[in-house]
Amino acid sequence: MSYWSPPEPRRVHLLVVDEGVDELKPLLETLRGAGYRITLAFAAMEGYRRATTLQMDLVLLDVGLGSTDGFAACRLLKADPATADIPVIFLTSSASLEERLTGLRAGAVDYIVKPFDPAEVMARVEIHLALAESRRSRIAPSTKSASPPDRPATNGDGAPGSGTDRMLMQAAERLILADLSHVLPLRELAARVGTHEKRLSRVFKELANRTVFEFVREARLHEAHRLLLESAMRIEEIAAAVGFSSAANFATAFREYFNCTPSACRQAGVGRRAPDT
């Protein structure tokens, strides 16, 4: 007679992305000893690809990973709906405030400076796993049971319309929209999301039907339009806030795009809101 036995609970799966895995041996032994399943990657894009294909619960990500750094990988993970909720903890040998802030702004939940005590990393991993589980438990059952949106097929080589292309564009858009007054040059923007200028330009042209420059310009003008209607900022202040070099340049671009001047747009908006005030 055979007896059915329930499957063992799924072990928590951690992704560790670091070039110098040898120095992490004490940490890896501690994590494995606690029952965690560990997957290793030695480069940023390798880590990103593994996170999108395997069921990860948390990512430990080194910052210094060669030409494509950990920040780029983190931005891609946070731009991808399939991986956006995975907690990312940065591991780094740098203790600079600027680097820590960059990591947190990229979407990381924590930052640990090397050399570290494995027990401290274990404690932080457990805390962020518990927080992630708490967030999931608050999701309504109807949301949990909803079928996930179909993800675009990707062949891993950045073919037009691939999932990787879409994630690159979304990550770049997030960087642009985060600070319209100081948009990065195209080369640096591409590097920040783990690619090069030519590919990022092609991705925007094929998926958004506009160049990166055109996307930035439209984003600035739409944000300016919102500020004109919803804020008391002066037109000169709005122009500077969205990245125009002068109020005159802003007014010319705004008139060409919206077929009215900024002041006329604001006046018309005030007129439309007057009966409700």
Protein backbone atom coordinates (compact mmCIF):
# COMPACT_ATOMS: atom_id res chain seq x y z
CA MET A 1 0.00 0.00 0.00
CA SER A 2 1.32 3.45 -0.88
CA TYR A 3 0.69 6.51 1.19
CA TRP A 4 0.60 10.05 -0.16
CA SER A 5 2.85 12.46 1.64
CA PRO A 6 2.57 16.24 1.26
CA PRO A 7 5.41 17.98 -0.54
CA GLU A 8 8.03 19.72 1.53
CA PRO A 9 7.54 23.48 1.93
CA ARG A 10 9.37 25.48 -0.72
CA ARG A 11 12.73 26.64 0.54
CA VAL A 12 13.35 30.39 0.46
CA HIS A 13 15.41 31.13 -2.65
CA LEU A 14 18.12 33.79 -2.51
CA LEU A 15 20.08 35.17 -5.46
CA VAL A 16 23.63 36.33 -4.68
CA VAL A 17 25.26 38.47 -7.40
CA ASP A 18 28.93 39.19 -6.75
CA GLU A 19 32.20 38.92 -8.68
CA GLY A 20 34.20 37.96 -5.59
CA VAL A 21 32.26 34.97 -4.31
CA ASP A 22 35.32 33.59 -2.48
CA GLU A 23 35.12 36.34 0.13
CA LEU A 24 31.43 35.52 0.63
CA LYS A 25 32.04 31.88 1.60
CA PRO A 26 31.33 32.42 5.34
CA LEU A 27 28.07 34.21 4.45
CA LEU A 28 27.02 31.54 1.93
CA GLU A 29 27.72 28.79 4.46
CA THR A 30 25.64 30.64 7.06
CA LEU A 31 22.74 31.10 4.65
CA ARG A 32 22.82 27.48 3.48
CA GLY A 33 23.06 26.33 7.10
CA ALA A 34 19.85 28.24 7.81
CA GLY A 35 18.09 26.29 5.07
CA TYR A 36 18.09 28.89 2.31
CA ARG A 37 18.44 27.83 -1.30
CA ILE A 38 21.22 29.86 -2.97
CA THR A 39 21.73 30.72 -6.65
CA LEU A 40 24.93 32.54 -7.64
CA ALA A 41 25.62 34.98 -10.47
CA PHE A 42 28.87 36.75 -11.22
CA ALA A 43 27.71 39.65 -13.42
CA ALA A 44 24.87 42.17 -13.29
CA MET A 45 23.00 41.06 -16.43
CA GLU A 46 23.48 37.39 -15.55
CA GLY A 47 21.88 38.13 -12.18
CA TYR A 48 19.02 40.02 -13.82
CA ARG A 49 18.32 37.16 -16.23
CA ARG A 50 18.34 34.58 -13.44
CA ALA A 51 15.99 36.67 -11.33
CA THR A 52 13.51 36.87 -14.22
CA THR A 53 13.56 33.12 -14.90
CA LEU A 54 13.82 31.66 -11.40
CA GLN A 55 11.48 32.16 -8.45
CA MET A 56 13.58 34.39 -6.19
CA ASP A 57 12.59 35.69 -2.77
CA LEU A 58 15.45 38.15 -2.19
CA VAL A 59 18.55 39.40 -4.01
CA LEU A 60 21.94 40.19 -2.44
CA LEU A 61 23.60 42.41 -5.05
CA ASP A 62 27.16 43.73 -5.22
CA VAL A 63 27.57 47.27 -6.55
CA GLY A 64 30.90 46.86 -8.38
CA LEU A 65 30.16 44.43 -11.19
CA GLY A 66 32.24 45.69 -14.10
CA SER A 67 30.83 47.61 -17.07
CA THR A 68 27.23 47.04 -15.96
CA ASP A 69 27.03 47.77 -12.25
CA GLY A 70 24.62 46.63 -9.57
CA PHE A 71 22.63 49.86 -9.77
CA ALA A 72 21.72 49.11 -13.41
CA ALA A 73 20.67 45.58 -12.50
CA CYS A 74 18.53 46.87 -9.63
CA ARG A 75 16.79 49.41 -11.89
CA LEU A 76 15.98 46.66 -14.38
CA LEU A 77 14.60 44.42 -11.63
CA LYS A 78 12.39 47.22 -10.33
CA ALA A 79 11.16 48.09 -13.83
CA ASP A 80 10.08 44.50 -14.52
CA PRO A 81 6.62 43.65 -13.04
CA ALA A 82 7.76 40.05 -12.57
CA THR A 83 10.64 41.05 -10.27
CA ALA A 84 9.65 44.50 -8.97
CA ASP A 85 8.57 43.18 -5.57
CA ILE A 86 11.72 41.16 -4.86
CA PRO A 87 13.69 42.85 -2.05
CA VAL A 88 17.19 43.87 -3.12
CA ILE A 89 19.99 44.33 -0.56
CA PHE A 90 23.20 45.93 -1.82
CA LEU A 91 26.59 44.62 -0.69
CA THR A 92 29.50 46.98 -1.24
CA SER A 93 32.97 47.86 -0.05
CA SER A 94 32.19 51.58 -0.35
CA ALA A 95 30.72 53.42 2.60
CA SER A 96 30.03 56.70 0.78
CA LEU A 97 26.71 58.38 1.44
CA GLU A 98 26.27 59.20 -2.25
CA GLU A 99 26.56 55.54 -3.24
CA ARG A 100 24.14 54.43 -0.54
CA LEU A 101 21.59 57.00 -1.68
CA THR A 102 22.04 55.92 -5.30
CA GLY A 103 21.32 52.33 -4.31
CA LEU A 104 18.23 53.21 -2.29
CA ARG A 105 16.90 55.43 -5.08
CA ALA A 106 17.40 52.56 -7.51
CA GLY A 107 14.93 50.57 -5.41
CA ALA A 108 17.04 48.67 -2.87
CA VAL A 109 15.59 48.03 0.59
CA ASP A 110 18.91 47.94 2.43
CA TYR A 111 22.65 48.55 2.12
CA ILE A 112 25.40 46.51 3.80
CA VAL A 113 29.05 47.61 3.77
CA LYS A 114 31.85 45.06 3.41
CA PRO A 115 33.44 43.58 5.42
CA PHE A 116 30.36 42.44 7.29
CA ASP A 117 29.41 39.86 9.87
CA PRO A 118 27.37 37.00 8.35
CA ALA A 119 25.07 37.13 11.37
CA GLU A 120 24.18 40.74 10.58
CA VAL A 121 23.41 39.90 6.95
CA MET A 122 21.30 36.96 8.11
CA ALA A 123 19.33 39.23 10.43
CA ARG A 124 18.67 41.76 7.66
CA VAL A 125 17.70 39.05 5.19
CA GLU A 126 15.20 37.64 7.68
CA ILE A 127 13.77 41.10 8.39
CA HIS A 128 13.22 41.94 4.71
CA LEU A 129 11.82 38.51 3.91
CA ALA A 130 9.31 38.98 6.75
CA LEU A 131 8.41 42.48 5.53
CA ALA A 132 7.92 41.19 1.97
CA GLU A 133 5.69 38.38 3.23
CA SER A 134 3.69 40.87 5.28
CA ARG A 135 3.13 43.02 2.19
CA ARG A 136 2.00 40.00 0.18
CA SER A 137 -0.42 38.92 2.89
CA ARG A 138 -2.13 42.32 2.75
CA ILE A 139 -2.91 41.94 -0.95
CA ALA A 140 -6.60 41.25 -1.54
CA PRO A 141 -7.37 37.62 -2.50
CA SER A 142 -8.90 38.77 -5.76
CA THR A 143 -5.64 40.46 -6.66
CA LYS A 144 -3.64 37.40 -5.71
CA SER A 145 -5.75 35.10 -7.85
CA ALA A 146 -5.75 37.35 -10.87
CA SER A 147 -3.77 35.97 -13.77
CA PRO A 148 -0.50 37.83 -14.27
CA PRO A 149 -0.22 39.84 -17.47
CA ASP A 150 1.46 38.09 -20.35
CA ARG A 151 5.11 39.00 -20.52
CA PRO A 152 6.64 39.68 -23.91
CA ALA A 153 8.80 36.83 -25.14
CA THR A 154 12.50 37.44 -24.95
CA ASN A 155 15.30 35.59 -26.66
CA GLY A 156 17.93 37.23 -24.46
CA ASP A 157 19.65 39.09 -27.26
CA GLY A 158 17.63 42.29 -27.18
CA ALA A 159 15.59 41.54 -30.31
CA PRO A 160 12.98 44.20 -31.19
CA GLY A 161 10.02 44.08 -28.83
CA SER A 162 11.66 41.61 -26.47
CA GLY A 163 10.95 41.64 -22.76
CA THR A 164 14.48 42.88 -22.10
CA ASP A 165 13.93 45.83 -24.44
CA ARG A 166 10.76 46.80 -22.60
CA MET A 167 12.48 46.61 -19.24
CA LEU A 168 15.33 48.77 -20.54
CA MET A 169 12.88 51.41 -21.73
CA GLN A 170 10.89 51.38 -18.50
CA ALA A 171 14.05 51.66 -16.40
CA ALA A 172 15.25 54.57 -18.54
CA GLU A 173 11.86 56.27 -18.30
CA ARG A 174 11.96 56.03 -14.51
CA LEU A 175 15.38 57.65 -14.42
CA ILE A 176 14.25 60.45 -16.74
CA LEU A 177 11.00 61.16 -14.90
CA ALA A 178 12.72 61.09 -11.50
CA ASP A 179 14.39 64.45 -12.23
CA LEU A 180 13.31 66.23 -15.41
CA SER A 181 15.46 69.23 -14.53
CA HIS A 182 18.68 67.20 -14.77
CA VAL A 183 18.21 64.45 -17.33
CA LEU A 184 21.38 62.46 -17.90
CA PRO A 185 23.18 62.56 -21.27
CA LEU A 186 22.20 59.64 -23.50
CA ARG A 187 25.48 57.76 -22.97
CA GLU A 188 25.22 57.94 -19.18
CA LEU A 189 21.50 57.18 -19.21
CA ALA A 190 22.16 54.04 -21.27
CA ALA A 191 24.99 52.98 -18.95
CA ARG A 192 22.77 53.43 -15.89
CA VAL A 193 20.29 50.86 -17.25
CA GLY A 194 22.96 48.44 -18.41
CA THR A 195 23.13 49.04 -22.15
CA HIS A 196 24.67 51.37 -24.76
CA GLU A 197 23.45 54.47 -26.61
CA LYS A 198 22.66 52.77 -29.91
CA ARG A 199 20.51 50.07 -28.34
CA LEU A 200 18.62 52.43 -26.04
CA SER A 201 17.89 54.76 -28.98
CA ARG A 202 16.62 51.83 -31.04
CA VAL A 203 14.44 50.59 -28.17
CA PHE A 204 12.71 53.98 -27.77
CA LYS A 205 12.21 54.31 -31.52
CA GLU A 206 10.73 50.84 -31.91
CA LEU A 207 8.63 50.67 -28.74
CA ALA A 208 7.68 54.31 -28.16
CA ASN A 209 7.91 55.58 -31.76
CA ARG A 210 10.04 58.49 -30.62
CA THR A 211 13.66 59.24 -29.85
CA VAL A 212 14.92 59.53 -26.29
CA PHE A 213 15.22 63.30 -26.83
CA GLU A 214 11.59 63.50 -28.01
CA PHE A 215 10.42 61.48 -25.00
CA VAL A 216 12.28 63.81 -22.62
CA ARG A 217 10.88 66.91 -24.33
CA GLU A 218 7.30 65.64 -24.21
CA ALA A 219 7.66 64.56 -20.59
CA ARG A 220 8.94 68.03 -19.66
CA LEU A 221 6.10 69.78 -21.48
CA HIS A 222 3.40 67.59 -19.95
CA GLU A 223 4.83 68.11 -16.46
CA ALA A 224 4.98 71.85 -17.12
CA HIS A 225 1.34 71.78 -18.24
CA ARG A 226 0.38 70.05 -14.98
CA LEU A 227 2.32 72.56 -12.89
CA LEU A 228 0.72 75.49 -14.69
CA LEU A 229 -2.74 74.22 -13.78
CA GLU A 230 -2.07 72.78 -10.34
CA SER A 231 0.57 75.00 -8.76
CA ALA A 232 1.20 78.65 -8.01
CA MET A 233 4.77 78.52 -9.32
CA ARG A 234 5.83 81.33 -11.62
CA ILE A 235 6.35 80.42 -15.27
CA GLU A 236 10.10 81.03 -14.93
CA GLU A 237 10.20 78.61 -11.98
CA ILE A 238 8.27 75.97 -13.90
CA ALA A 239 10.63 76.29 -16.86
CA ALA A 240 13.62 75.66 -14.59
CA ALA A 241 11.86 72.86 -12.69
CA VAL A 242 11.30 70.82 -15.85
CA GLY A 243 14.74 71.44 -17.33
CA PHE A 244 14.44 74.28 -19.84
CA SER A 245 17.44 76.58 -20.09
CA SER A 246 15.30 79.73 -20.15
CA ALA A 247 11.70 80.86 -19.85
CA ALA A 248 11.82 82.03 -23.47
CA ASN A 249 12.85 78.59 -24.76
CA PHE A 250 10.18 77.02 -22.60
CA ALA A 251 7.47 79.36 -23.90
CA THR A 252 8.42 78.67 -27.53
CA ALA A 253 8.40 74.89 -27.05
CA PHE A 254 5.15 75.00 -25.08
CA ARG A 255 3.38 77.09 -27.74
CA GLU A 256 4.54 74.79 -30.53
CA TYR A 257 3.36 71.69 -28.67
CA PHE A 258 0.09 72.87 -27.07
CA ASN A 259 -0.77 75.66 -29.54
CA CYS A 260 -1.05 78.20 -26.74
CA THR A 261 1.30 80.14 -24.51
CA PRO A 262 1.97 79.04 -20.91
CA SER A 263 0.20 82.12 -19.53
CA ALA A 264 -2.84 81.55 -21.76
CA CYS A 265 -2.95 77.90 -20.73
CA ARG A 266 -2.88 78.84 -17.05
CA GLN A 267 -5.54 81.50 -17.53
CA ALA A 268 -7.82 79.07 -19.35
CA GLY A 269 -7.31 76.51 -16.60
CA VAL A 270 -8.22 79.05 -13.93
CA GLY A 271 -11.34 79.97 -15.86
CA ARG A 272 -12.45 76.34 -16.08
CA ARG A 273 -11.93 75.80 -12.34
CA ALA A 274 -13.63 79.03 -11.22
CA PRO A 275 -17.23 77.67 -10.87
CA ASP A 276 -16.01 74.89 -8.54
CA THR A 277 -14.13 77.22 -6.16
